[in-house]
Amino acid sequence: MMLIWILLSRVVAGSIWFNQGEVCCAGSRLLVQAAVSTQLLEKIKRHMRRLRVGDPLDKFIDIGALVTPAQQQRIVSLVEQSLPEGDE
């Protein structure tokens, strides 16, 4: 059962970061049964903390460069806005 949770968390995190938002279909919504939501969220967060940022041409990198400085500022702004709302 633990393996299923690990695999599921990787799939969810991967769907969010796949293509790094450069297409208009990021998997940013997830409907989860309340009884398992805390456990799944912890595993997703643990996996996302391990994502590697760097050269997008390196096959061992999970998250490469953003398209423009404006896109980076937009993301920073969204993160800063989400923190007071309870996001982690």
N, C-alpha and C. Protein backbone atom coordinates (compact mmCIF):
# COMPACT_ATOMS: atom_id res chain seq x y z
N MET A 1 0.82 -1.20 0.00
CA MET A 1 0.00 0.00 0.00
C MET A 1 0.86 1.26 0.00
N MET A 2 2.01 1.22 0.73
CA MET A 2 2.89 2.39 0.78
C MET A 2 3.41 2.73 -0.62
N LEU A 3 3.73 1.71 -1.41
CA LEU A 3 4.23 1.95 -2.76
C LEU A 3 3.20 2.70 -3.60
N ILE A 4 1.94 2.37 -3.44
CA ILE A 4 0.88 3.06 -4.18
C ILE A 4 0.87 4.54 -3.83
N TRP A 5 1.01 4.87 -2.53
CA TRP A 5 1.02 6.27 -2.10
C TRP A 5 2.22 7.00 -2.69
N ILE A 6 3.37 6.36 -2.69
CA ILE A 6 4.58 6.99 -3.24
C ILE A 6 4.41 7.25 -4.73
N LEU A 7 3.94 6.25 -5.46
CA LEU A 7 3.74 6.41 -6.90
C LEU A 7 2.70 7.47 -7.20
N LEU A 8 1.61 7.47 -6.46
CA LEU A 8 0.56 8.47 -6.67
C LEU A 8 1.09 9.88 -6.44
N SER A 9 1.86 10.06 -5.37
CA SER A 9 2.39 11.40 -5.09
C SER A 9 3.32 11.86 -6.21
N ARG A 10 4.10 10.95 -6.77
CA ARG A 10 5.00 11.32 -7.88
C ARG A 10 4.21 11.69 -9.13
N VAL A 11 3.16 10.96 -9.41
CA VAL A 11 2.33 11.26 -10.58
C VAL A 11 1.68 12.63 -10.43
N VAL A 12 1.14 12.90 -9.24
CA VAL A 12 0.48 14.19 -9.01
C VAL A 12 1.48 15.33 -9.15
N ALA A 13 2.64 15.21 -8.47
CA ALA A 13 3.66 16.26 -8.57
C ALA A 13 4.13 16.41 -10.01
N GLY A 14 4.31 15.31 -10.70
CA GLY A 14 4.75 15.36 -12.10
C GLY A 14 3.74 16.05 -13.00
N SER A 15 2.46 15.84 -12.73
CA SER A 15 1.44 16.46 -13.58
C SER A 15 1.41 17.98 -13.38
N ILE A 16 1.79 18.43 -12.20
CA ILE A 16 1.83 19.86 -11.94
C ILE A 16 3.03 20.50 -12.63
N TRP A 17 4.18 19.85 -12.58
CA TRP A 17 5.41 20.45 -13.11
C TRP A 17 5.72 20.07 -14.55
N PHE A 18 5.02 19.06 -15.10
CA PHE A 18 5.29 18.65 -16.48
C PHE A 18 5.09 19.83 -17.42
N ASN A 19 6.01 20.09 -18.28
CA ASN A 19 6.03 21.23 -19.22
C ASN A 19 6.17 22.57 -18.52
N GLN A 20 6.30 22.58 -17.21
CA GLN A 20 6.58 23.78 -16.43
C GLN A 20 5.65 24.94 -16.73
N GLY A 21 4.41 24.64 -17.01
CA GLY A 21 3.44 25.70 -17.26
C GLY A 21 3.54 26.33 -18.63
N GLU A 22 4.36 25.77 -19.50
CA GLU A 22 4.55 26.35 -20.82
C GLU A 22 3.46 25.92 -21.81
N VAL A 23 2.52 25.15 -21.33
CA VAL A 23 1.32 24.83 -22.10
C VAL A 23 0.13 25.12 -21.19
N CYS A 24 -1.00 25.28 -21.74
CA CYS A 24 -2.16 25.70 -20.94
C CYS A 24 -2.93 24.52 -20.36
N CYS A 25 -2.22 23.56 -19.81
CA CYS A 25 -2.92 22.41 -19.24
C CYS A 25 -2.16 21.83 -18.04
N ALA A 26 -1.80 22.66 -17.09
CA ALA A 26 -1.12 22.18 -15.89
C ALA A 26 -2.14 21.47 -15.00
N GLY A 27 -1.76 20.32 -14.47
CA GLY A 27 -2.64 19.57 -13.59
C GLY A 27 -2.61 20.15 -12.18
N SER A 28 -3.24 21.28 -11.98
CA SER A 28 -3.13 21.98 -10.71
C SER A 28 -4.31 21.75 -9.77
N ARG A 29 -5.28 20.96 -10.18
CA ARG A 29 -6.43 20.66 -9.32
C ARG A 29 -6.44 19.18 -9.00
N LEU A 30 -6.76 18.86 -7.77
CA LEU A 30 -6.79 17.47 -7.35
C LEU A 30 -7.93 17.26 -6.38
N LEU A 31 -8.82 16.35 -6.71
CA LEU A 31 -9.93 16.01 -5.82
C LEU A 31 -9.57 14.72 -5.10
N VAL A 32 -9.57 14.78 -3.76
CA VAL A 32 -9.14 13.65 -2.95
C VAL A 32 -10.15 13.43 -1.83
N GLN A 33 -10.42 12.17 -1.54
CA GLN A 33 -11.31 11.83 -0.44
C GLN A 33 -10.72 12.38 0.87
N ALA A 34 -11.55 13.03 1.68
CA ALA A 34 -11.10 13.68 2.91
C ALA A 34 -10.33 12.74 3.83
N ALA A 35 -10.71 11.49 3.88
CA ALA A 35 -10.08 10.54 4.80
C ALA A 35 -8.61 10.29 4.48
N VAL A 36 -8.19 10.53 3.25
CA VAL A 36 -6.79 10.28 2.88
C VAL A 36 -6.06 11.54 2.44
N SER A 37 -6.72 12.68 2.47
CA SER A 37 -6.12 13.90 1.92
C SER A 37 -4.86 14.34 2.65
N THR A 38 -4.83 14.27 3.96
CA THR A 38 -3.65 14.71 4.71
C THR A 38 -2.45 13.84 4.37
N GLN A 39 -2.65 12.54 4.36
CA GLN A 39 -1.56 11.61 4.07
C GLN A 39 -1.03 11.83 2.65
N LEU A 40 -1.91 11.97 1.69
CA LEU A 40 -1.48 12.18 0.30
C LEU A 40 -0.77 13.52 0.14
N LEU A 41 -1.30 14.56 0.74
CA LEU A 41 -0.68 15.88 0.63
C LEU A 41 0.74 15.87 1.19
N GLU A 42 0.96 15.21 2.31
CA GLU A 42 2.31 15.13 2.88
C GLU A 42 3.27 14.43 1.93
N LYS A 43 2.82 13.37 1.31
CA LYS A 43 3.69 12.66 0.37
C LYS A 43 3.97 13.50 -0.89
N ILE A 44 2.98 14.22 -1.37
CA ILE A 44 3.20 15.10 -2.52
C ILE A 44 4.21 16.18 -2.17
N LYS A 45 4.05 16.81 -1.01
CA LYS A 45 4.99 17.86 -0.59
C LYS A 45 6.39 17.30 -0.44
N ARG A 46 6.52 16.10 0.13
CA ARG A 46 7.84 15.48 0.30
C ARG A 46 8.49 15.26 -1.07
N HIS A 47 7.71 14.78 -2.03
CA HIS A 47 8.25 14.56 -3.37
C HIS A 47 8.64 15.88 -4.03
N MET A 48 7.81 16.90 -3.90
CA MET A 48 8.09 18.18 -4.56
C MET A 48 9.33 18.86 -3.98
N ARG A 49 9.60 18.64 -2.70
CA ARG A 49 10.82 19.21 -2.11
C ARG A 49 12.08 18.60 -2.73
N ARG A 50 11.95 17.43 -3.30
CA ARG A 50 13.10 16.72 -3.88
C ARG A 50 13.33 17.05 -5.37
N LEU A 51 12.42 17.80 -5.96
CA LEU A 51 12.59 18.14 -7.38
C LEU A 51 13.88 18.92 -7.57
N ARG A 52 14.59 18.61 -8.63
CA ARG A 52 15.88 19.25 -8.92
C ARG A 52 15.69 20.36 -9.95
N VAL A 53 16.23 21.53 -9.64
CA VAL A 53 16.15 22.70 -10.51
C VAL A 53 17.51 22.88 -11.16
N GLY A 54 17.50 23.19 -12.47
CA GLY A 54 18.78 23.41 -13.13
C GLY A 54 18.64 23.46 -14.64
N ASP A 55 19.71 23.06 -15.30
CA ASP A 55 19.81 23.08 -16.76
C ASP A 55 18.74 22.18 -17.37
N PRO A 56 17.83 22.73 -18.16
CA PRO A 56 16.75 21.92 -18.73
C PRO A 56 17.23 20.86 -19.72
N LEU A 57 18.47 20.96 -20.18
CA LEU A 57 19.01 19.96 -21.10
C LEU A 57 19.60 18.76 -20.37
N ASP A 58 19.74 18.86 -19.05
CA ASP A 58 20.26 17.77 -18.23
C ASP A 58 19.11 16.81 -17.94
N LYS A 59 19.24 15.55 -18.32
CA LYS A 59 18.15 14.60 -18.15
C LYS A 59 17.84 14.28 -16.69
N PHE A 60 18.70 14.68 -15.77
CA PHE A 60 18.46 14.44 -14.34
C PHE A 60 17.80 15.63 -13.65
N ILE A 61 17.47 16.67 -14.40
CA ILE A 61 16.84 17.87 -13.85
C ILE A 61 15.33 17.77 -14.03
N ASP A 62 14.59 18.14 -12.99
CA ASP A 62 13.13 18.08 -13.04
C ASP A 62 12.51 19.39 -13.50
N ILE A 63 13.11 20.51 -13.12
CA ILE A 63 12.56 21.83 -13.43
C ILE A 63 13.66 22.68 -14.04
N GLY A 64 13.46 23.10 -15.28
CA GLY A 64 14.45 23.91 -15.96
C GLY A 64 14.14 25.39 -15.86
N ALA A 65 14.69 26.13 -16.76
CA ALA A 65 14.55 27.59 -16.76
C ALA A 65 13.13 28.01 -17.13
N LEU A 66 12.74 29.18 -16.65
CA LEU A 66 11.48 29.79 -17.06
C LEU A 66 11.71 30.54 -18.36
N VAL A 67 10.64 30.83 -19.07
CA VAL A 67 10.74 31.41 -20.41
C VAL A 67 11.31 32.83 -20.37
N THR A 68 10.82 33.67 -19.46
CA THR A 68 11.24 35.07 -19.40
C THR A 68 11.32 35.54 -17.95
N PRO A 69 12.04 36.62 -17.70
CA PRO A 69 12.03 37.21 -16.35
C PRO A 69 10.62 37.62 -15.91
N ALA A 70 9.80 38.05 -16.86
CA ALA A 70 8.42 38.43 -16.53
C ALA A 70 7.64 37.22 -16.00
N GLN A 71 7.87 36.05 -16.60
CA GLN A 71 7.21 34.84 -16.13
C GLN A 71 7.68 34.49 -14.72
N GLN A 72 8.96 34.66 -14.46
CA GLN A 72 9.48 34.39 -13.13
C GLN A 72 8.84 35.32 -12.11
N GLN A 73 8.73 36.58 -12.43
CA GLN A 73 8.11 37.54 -11.51
C GLN A 73 6.64 37.20 -11.27
N ARG A 74 5.96 36.75 -12.30
CA ARG A 74 4.55 36.34 -12.16
C ARG A 74 4.43 35.18 -11.17
N ILE A 75 5.31 34.21 -11.28
CA ILE A 75 5.28 33.06 -10.39
C ILE A 75 5.60 33.48 -8.96
N VAL A 76 6.62 34.31 -8.78
CA VAL A 76 6.96 34.80 -7.45
C VAL A 76 5.77 35.53 -6.84
N SER A 77 5.10 36.35 -7.63
CA SER A 77 3.93 37.09 -7.16
C SER A 77 2.80 36.15 -6.73
N LEU A 78 2.55 35.10 -7.51
CA LEU A 78 1.50 34.14 -7.16
C LEU A 78 1.83 33.40 -5.87
N VAL A 79 3.09 33.03 -5.71
CA VAL A 79 3.51 32.34 -4.48
C VAL A 79 3.34 33.25 -3.28
N GLU A 80 3.81 34.49 -3.40
CA GLU A 80 3.68 35.44 -2.28
C GLU A 80 2.22 35.68 -1.93
N GLN A 81 1.36 35.73 -2.93
CA GLN A 81 -0.07 35.94 -2.71
C GLN A 81 -0.71 34.72 -2.03
N SER A 82 -0.22 33.53 -2.34
CA SER A 82 -0.84 32.31 -1.81
C SER A 82 -0.46 32.01 -0.37
N LEU A 83 0.70 32.46 0.08
CA LEU A 83 1.15 32.14 1.44
C LEU A 83 0.21 32.62 2.53
N PRO A 84 -0.27 33.87 2.51
CA PRO A 84 -1.22 34.29 3.55
C PRO A 84 -2.55 33.53 3.49
N GLU A 85 -2.82 32.90 2.35
CA GLU A 85 -4.07 32.14 2.21
C GLU A 85 -3.94 30.71 2.72
N GLY A 86 -2.73 30.37 3.23
CA GLY A 86 -2.54 29.06 3.83
C GLY A 86 -1.79 28.05 2.98
N ASP A 87 -1.35 28.45 1.80
CA ASP A 87 -0.59 27.53 0.95
C ASP A 87 0.79 27.32 1.51
N GLU A 88 1.40 26.20 1.17
CA GLU A 88 2.75 25.86 1.65
C GLU A 88 3.70 25.70 0.51
